[in-house]
């Protein structure tokens, strides 16, 4: 509190190049810009995951739920799903033998 007062007093008395911003305000601005960058990255990841899940629904027999389960299991692209082993696909919850047969026909 006193330091803010002294800085203002110096700027008024000497009208020098003393920055009107206190170090505290600079820290707040830096923290705010860091939060904005983090939010942007998070939004980008969320958008990319939604697009990838929507892409997986283009496979025959794959709906929204199974596409999400496949994405969360590590199958990010349609090529990865088609190239995967039957055992790996059956390990994903929501994926049954009939879906695996449909996907293997695409190979």
N, C-alpha and C. Protein backbone atom coordinates (compact mmCIF):
# COMPACT_ATOMS: atom_id res chain seq x y z
N UNK A 1 0.82 -1.18 0.00
CA UNK A 1 0.00 0.00 0.00
C UNK A 1 0.88 1.25 0.00
N UNK A 2 1.84 1.25 0.87
CA UNK A 2 2.74 2.41 0.97
C UNK A 2 3.57 2.53 -0.31
N UNK A 3 3.98 1.38 -0.85
CA UNK A 3 4.80 1.44 -2.07
C UNK A 3 4.01 2.03 -3.24
N UNK A 4 2.73 1.72 -3.33
CA UNK A 4 1.90 2.31 -4.38
C UNK A 4 1.82 3.83 -4.22
N UNK A 5 1.65 4.24 -2.97
CA UNK A 5 1.57 5.67 -2.69
C UNK A 5 2.87 6.38 -3.07
N UNK A 6 3.99 5.77 -2.72
CA UNK A 6 5.28 6.37 -3.04
C UNK A 6 5.52 6.46 -4.55
N UNK A 7 5.13 5.45 -5.26
CA UNK A 7 5.29 5.46 -6.71
C UNK A 7 4.44 6.57 -7.33
N UNK A 8 3.22 6.71 -6.87
CA UNK A 8 2.36 7.79 -7.39
C UNK A 8 2.93 9.15 -7.05
N UNK A 9 3.42 9.27 -5.83
CA UNK A 9 4.00 10.53 -5.39
C UNK A 9 5.21 10.90 -6.24
N UNK A 10 6.08 9.92 -6.52
CA UNK A 10 7.24 10.17 -7.37
C UNK A 10 6.81 10.62 -8.76
N UNK A 11 5.82 9.93 -9.31
CA UNK A 11 5.39 10.27 -10.67
C UNK A 11 4.78 11.66 -10.73
N UNK A 12 4.07 12.05 -9.68
CA UNK A 12 3.47 13.38 -9.65
C UNK A 12 4.53 14.46 -9.46
N UNK A 13 5.42 14.23 -8.52
CA UNK A 13 6.43 15.25 -8.19
C UNK A 13 7.46 15.42 -9.30
N UNK A 14 7.92 14.32 -9.82
CA UNK A 14 9.03 14.41 -10.77
C UNK A 14 8.58 14.31 -12.22
N UNK A 15 7.35 13.88 -12.44
CA UNK A 15 6.82 13.70 -13.79
C UNK A 15 7.85 13.05 -14.70
N UNK A 16 8.43 12.02 -14.17
CA UNK A 16 9.47 11.30 -14.91
C UNK A 16 8.85 10.10 -15.63
N UNK A 17 9.70 9.29 -16.09
CA UNK A 17 9.26 8.11 -16.84
C UNK A 17 8.93 6.96 -15.91
N UNK A 18 8.56 7.25 -14.69
CA UNK A 18 8.18 6.20 -13.76
C UNK A 18 6.88 5.60 -14.26
N UNK A 19 6.88 4.32 -14.37
CA UNK A 19 5.72 3.62 -14.91
C UNK A 19 4.54 3.74 -13.95
N UNK A 20 3.39 4.12 -14.45
CA UNK A 20 2.22 4.23 -13.57
C UNK A 20 1.74 2.87 -13.10
N UNK A 21 2.16 1.81 -13.79
CA UNK A 21 1.75 0.48 -13.38
C UNK A 21 2.66 -0.01 -12.27
N UNK A 22 2.08 -0.58 -11.28
CA UNK A 22 2.87 -1.17 -10.21
C UNK A 22 3.28 -2.57 -10.65
N UNK A 23 4.29 -3.12 -10.03
CA UNK A 23 4.69 -4.49 -10.38
C UNK A 23 3.56 -5.49 -10.21
N UNK A 24 2.68 -5.24 -9.27
CA UNK A 24 1.56 -6.13 -9.03
C UNK A 24 0.64 -6.18 -10.24
N UNK A 25 0.37 -5.02 -10.86
CA UNK A 25 -0.49 -4.99 -12.04
C UNK A 25 0.17 -5.73 -13.19
N UNK A 26 1.47 -5.61 -13.33
CA UNK A 26 2.18 -6.31 -14.40
C UNK A 26 2.06 -7.82 -14.21
N UNK A 27 2.18 -8.27 -12.96
CA UNK A 27 2.05 -9.70 -12.69
C UNK A 27 0.65 -10.19 -13.02
N UNK A 28 -0.36 -9.39 -12.70
CA UNK A 28 -1.73 -9.79 -13.00
C UNK A 28 -1.94 -9.93 -14.49
N UNK A 29 -1.38 -8.97 -15.26
CA UNK A 29 -1.53 -9.03 -16.72
C UNK A 29 -0.83 -10.26 -17.27
N UNK A 30 0.35 -10.59 -16.76
CA UNK A 30 1.09 -11.76 -17.23
C UNK A 30 0.32 -13.03 -16.90
N UNK A 31 -0.24 -13.10 -15.71
CA UNK A 31 -1.02 -14.27 -15.32
C UNK A 31 -2.26 -14.41 -16.19
N UNK A 32 -2.89 -13.29 -16.51
CA UNK A 32 -4.09 -13.32 -17.33
C UNK A 32 -3.78 -13.82 -18.73
N UNK A 33 -2.67 -13.37 -19.31
CA UNK A 33 -2.31 -13.82 -20.65
C UNK A 33 -1.95 -15.29 -20.65
N UNK A 34 -1.34 -15.78 -19.57
CA UNK A 34 -1.02 -17.20 -19.47
C UNK A 34 -2.29 -18.04 -19.40
N UNK A 35 -3.30 -17.55 -18.67
CA UNK A 35 -4.57 -18.26 -18.59
C UNK A 35 -5.24 -18.31 -19.95
N UNK A 36 -5.18 -17.25 -20.70
CA UNK A 36 -5.80 -17.19 -22.02
C UNK A 36 -5.16 -18.21 -22.94
N UNK A 37 -3.84 -18.31 -22.89
CA UNK A 37 -3.14 -19.29 -23.74
C UNK A 37 -3.56 -20.71 -23.37
N UNK A 38 -3.68 -21.00 -22.08
CA UNK A 38 -4.07 -22.33 -21.64
C UNK A 38 -5.48 -22.65 -22.11
N UNK A 39 -6.40 -21.69 -21.99
CA UNK A 39 -7.77 -21.91 -22.42
C UNK A 39 -7.82 -22.17 -23.92
N UNK A 40 -7.02 -21.47 -24.68
CA UNK A 40 -7.01 -21.65 -26.13
C UNK A 40 -6.54 -23.05 -26.49
N UNK A 41 -5.50 -23.53 -25.82
CA UNK A 41 -5.00 -24.88 -26.09
C UNK A 41 -6.05 -25.91 -25.73
N UNK A 42 -6.71 -25.73 -24.61
CA UNK A 42 -7.73 -26.67 -24.19
C UNK A 42 -8.89 -26.70 -25.17
N UNK A 43 -9.31 -25.53 -25.64
CA UNK A 43 -10.40 -25.47 -26.61
C UNK A 43 -9.99 -26.14 -27.91
N UNK A 44 -8.76 -25.94 -28.34
CA UNK A 44 -8.28 -26.55 -29.57
C UNK A 44 -8.28 -28.06 -29.46
N UNK A 45 -7.82 -28.58 -28.32
CA UNK A 45 -7.81 -30.02 -28.13
C UNK A 45 -9.22 -30.58 -28.12
N UNK A 46 -10.14 -29.88 -27.50
CA UNK A 46 -11.53 -30.34 -27.45
C UNK A 46 -12.14 -30.35 -28.84
N UNK A 47 -11.84 -29.34 -29.63
CA UNK A 47 -12.37 -29.28 -31.00
C UNK A 47 -11.78 -30.39 -31.84
N UNK A 48 -10.47 -30.64 -31.71
CA UNK A 48 -9.82 -31.71 -32.47
C UNK A 48 -10.38 -33.07 -32.09
N UNK A 49 -10.61 -33.32 -30.80
CA UNK A 49 -11.14 -34.61 -30.39
C UNK A 49 -12.55 -34.81 -30.92
N UNK A 50 -13.36 -33.75 -30.91
CA UNK A 50 -14.71 -33.87 -31.46
C UNK A 50 -14.68 -34.18 -32.95
N UNK A 51 -13.78 -33.54 -33.68
CA UNK A 51 -13.66 -33.81 -35.11
C UNK A 51 -13.22 -35.23 -35.36
N UNK A 52 -12.27 -35.71 -34.56
CA UNK A 52 -11.79 -37.08 -34.73
C UNK A 52 -12.88 -38.09 -34.42
N UNK A 53 -13.67 -37.82 -33.38
CA UNK A 53 -14.77 -38.73 -33.04
C UNK A 53 -15.81 -38.74 -34.15
N UNK A 54 -16.11 -37.55 -34.69
CA UNK A 54 -17.06 -37.48 -35.81
C UNK A 54 -16.54 -38.24 -37.02
N UNK A 55 -15.24 -38.19 -37.25
CA UNK A 55 -14.64 -38.91 -38.37
C UNK A 55 -14.78 -40.41 -38.16
N UNK A 56 -14.62 -40.87 -36.93
CA UNK A 56 -14.75 -42.31 -36.66
C UNK A 56 -16.17 -42.80 -36.90
N UNK A 57 -17.16 -41.92 -36.78
CA UNK A 57 -18.54 -42.35 -37.02
C UNK A 57 -18.83 -42.61 -38.49
N UNK A 58 -17.90 -42.23 -39.37
CA UNK A 58 -18.09 -42.51 -40.79
C UNK A 58 -17.85 -43.98 -41.11
N UNK A 59 -17.24 -44.71 -40.19
CA UNK A 59 -17.04 -46.14 -40.40
C UNK A 59 -18.37 -46.87 -40.27
N UNK A 60 -18.59 -47.90 -41.07
CA UNK A 60 -19.87 -48.62 -41.01
C UNK A 60 -20.05 -49.32 -39.66
N UNK A 61 -21.20 -49.10 -39.04
CA UNK A 61 -21.52 -49.74 -37.78
C UNK A 61 -21.02 -49.00 -36.56
N UNK A 62 -20.30 -47.91 -36.75
CA UNK A 62 -19.76 -47.15 -35.62
C UNK A 62 -20.65 -45.94 -35.37
N UNK A 63 -21.23 -45.91 -34.18
CA UNK A 63 -22.07 -44.78 -33.79
C UNK A 63 -21.28 -43.84 -32.90
N UNK A 64 -21.99 -42.91 -32.31
CA UNK A 64 -21.34 -41.89 -31.48
C UNK A 64 -20.69 -42.49 -30.24
N UNK A 65 -21.38 -43.42 -29.59
CA UNK A 65 -20.84 -44.01 -28.36
C UNK A 65 -19.61 -44.88 -28.64
N UNK A 66 -19.71 -45.72 -29.66
CA UNK A 66 -18.56 -46.58 -29.95
C UNK A 66 -17.40 -45.77 -30.52
N UNK A 67 -17.70 -44.69 -31.24
CA UNK A 67 -16.63 -43.83 -31.75
C UNK A 67 -15.89 -43.17 -30.59
N UNK A 68 -16.62 -42.71 -29.60
CA UNK A 68 -15.99 -42.09 -28.43
C UNK A 68 -15.15 -43.12 -27.67
N UNK A 69 -15.68 -44.33 -27.53
CA UNK A 69 -14.93 -45.38 -26.83
C UNK A 69 -13.65 -45.74 -27.58
N UNK A 70 -13.74 -45.82 -28.90
CA UNK A 70 -12.55 -46.11 -29.71
C UNK A 70 -11.52 -44.99 -29.59
N UNK A 71 -11.99 -43.76 -29.61
CA UNK A 71 -11.08 -42.61 -29.50
C UNK A 71 -10.37 -42.62 -28.15
N UNK A 72 -11.12 -42.86 -27.10
CA UNK A 72 -10.54 -42.88 -25.75
C UNK A 72 -9.60 -44.06 -25.56
N UNK A 73 -9.80 -45.14 -26.34
CA UNK A 73 -8.92 -46.31 -26.26
C UNK A 73 -7.63 -46.10 -27.05
N UNK A 74 -7.54 -45.00 -27.79
CA UNK A 74 -6.30 -44.70 -28.49
C UNK A 74 -6.39 -44.80 -30.01
N UNK A 75 -7.52 -45.16 -30.53
CA UNK A 75 -7.71 -45.23 -31.98
C UNK A 75 -8.20 -43.86 -32.45
N UNK A 76 -7.29 -43.01 -32.87
CA UNK A 76 -7.61 -41.62 -33.19
C UNK A 76 -8.09 -41.41 -34.63
N UNK A 77 -7.73 -42.33 -35.53
CA UNK A 77 -8.10 -42.17 -36.94
C UNK A 77 -8.82 -43.42 -37.43
N UNK A 78 -9.48 -43.28 -38.58
CA UNK A 78 -10.16 -44.44 -39.17
C UNK A 78 -9.14 -45.48 -39.62
N UNK A 79 -7.99 -45.03 -40.10
CA UNK A 79 -6.95 -45.97 -40.52
C UNK A 79 -6.45 -46.80 -39.35
N UNK A 80 -6.34 -46.19 -38.19
CA UNK A 80 -5.88 -46.91 -37.00
C UNK A 80 -6.89 -47.97 -36.59
N UNK A 81 -8.16 -47.66 -36.73
CA UNK A 81 -9.20 -48.63 -36.38
C UNK A 81 -9.18 -49.80 -37.36
N UNK A 82 -9.08 -49.50 -38.64
CA UNK A 82 -9.09 -50.55 -39.66
C UNK A 82 -7.85 -51.43 -39.54
N UNK A 83 -6.70 -50.86 -39.22
CA UNK A 83 -5.45 -51.61 -39.13
C UNK A 83 -5.30 -52.37 -37.81
N UNK A 84 -6.13 -52.10 -36.82
CA UNK A 84 -5.99 -52.71 -35.50
C UNK A 84 -6.34 -54.20 -35.53
N UNK A 85 -5.75 -54.93 -34.59
CA UNK A 85 -6.06 -56.36 -34.44
C UNK A 85 -7.45 -56.52 -33.84
N UNK A 86 -8.04 -57.68 -34.12
CA UNK A 86 -9.38 -57.94 -33.61
C UNK A 86 -9.40 -57.93 -32.08
N UNK A 87 -8.36 -58.48 -31.47
CA UNK A 87 -8.30 -58.55 -30.01
C UNK A 87 -8.27 -57.15 -29.40
N UNK A 88 -7.54 -56.26 -30.03
CA UNK A 88 -7.46 -54.89 -29.51
C UNK A 88 -8.80 -54.18 -29.61
N UNK A 89 -9.50 -54.41 -30.71
CA UNK A 89 -10.81 -53.78 -30.88
C UNK A 89 -11.84 -54.35 -29.91
N UNK A 90 -11.80 -55.65 -29.70
CA UNK A 90 -12.75 -56.28 -28.78
C UNK A 90 -12.49 -55.86 -27.34
N UNK A 91 -11.29 -55.42 -27.02
CA UNK A 91 -10.98 -54.97 -25.67
C UNK A 91 -11.65 -53.64 -25.34
N UNK A 92 -12.09 -52.91 -26.35
CA UNK A 92 -12.76 -51.62 -26.15
C UNK A 92 -14.21 -51.89 -25.76
N UNK A 93 -14.64 -51.24 -24.68
CA UNK A 93 -16.03 -51.44 -24.25
C UNK A 93 -16.96 -50.79 -25.28
N UNK A 94 -18.03 -51.49 -25.60
CA UNK A 94 -18.98 -50.97 -26.59
C UNK A 94 -18.70 -51.47 -27.99
N UNK A 95 -17.65 -52.23 -28.17
CA UNK A 95 -17.31 -52.79 -29.48
C UNK A 95 -17.51 -54.29 -29.39
N UNK A 96 -18.37 -54.81 -30.27
CA UNK A 96 -18.65 -56.24 -30.27
C UNK A 96 -18.09 -56.93 -31.48
N UNK A 97 -18.32 -58.22 -31.55
CA UNK A 97 -17.78 -59.05 -32.63
C UNK A 97 -18.36 -58.65 -33.98
N UNK A 98 -19.64 -58.28 -34.00
CA UNK A 98 -20.26 -57.90 -35.28
C UNK A 98 -19.62 -56.63 -35.85
N UNK A 99 -19.33 -55.67 -34.98
CA UNK A 99 -18.68 -54.45 -35.44
C UNK A 99 -17.27 -54.75 -35.94
N UNK A 100 -16.57 -55.63 -35.26
CA UNK A 100 -15.22 -55.99 -35.68
C UNK A 100 -15.25 -56.65 -37.06
N UNK A 101 -16.24 -57.50 -37.29
CA UNK A 101 -16.37 -58.15 -38.60
C UNK A 101 -16.62 -57.12 -39.70
N UNK A 102 -17.48 -56.13 -39.42
CA UNK A 102 -17.75 -55.08 -40.40
C UNK A 102 -16.48 -54.29 -40.71
N UNK A 103 -15.71 -54.01 -39.68
CA UNK A 103 -14.49 -53.22 -39.87
C UNK A 103 -13.42 -54.02 -40.62
N UNK A 104 -13.36 -55.31 -40.39
CA UNK A 104 -12.36 -56.14 -41.07
C UNK A 104 -12.67 -56.33 -42.55
N UNK A 105 -13.95 -56.17 -42.92
CA UNK A 105 -14.32 -56.23 -44.34
C UNK A 105 -13.74 -55.05 -45.11
N UNK A 106 -13.46 -53.96 -44.41
CA UNK A 106 -12.92 -52.75 -45.05
C UNK A 106 -11.45 -52.91 -45.43
N UNK A 107 -10.77 -53.85 -44.82
CA UNK A 107 -9.34 -54.02 -45.05
C UNK A 107 -9.01 -54.35 -46.45
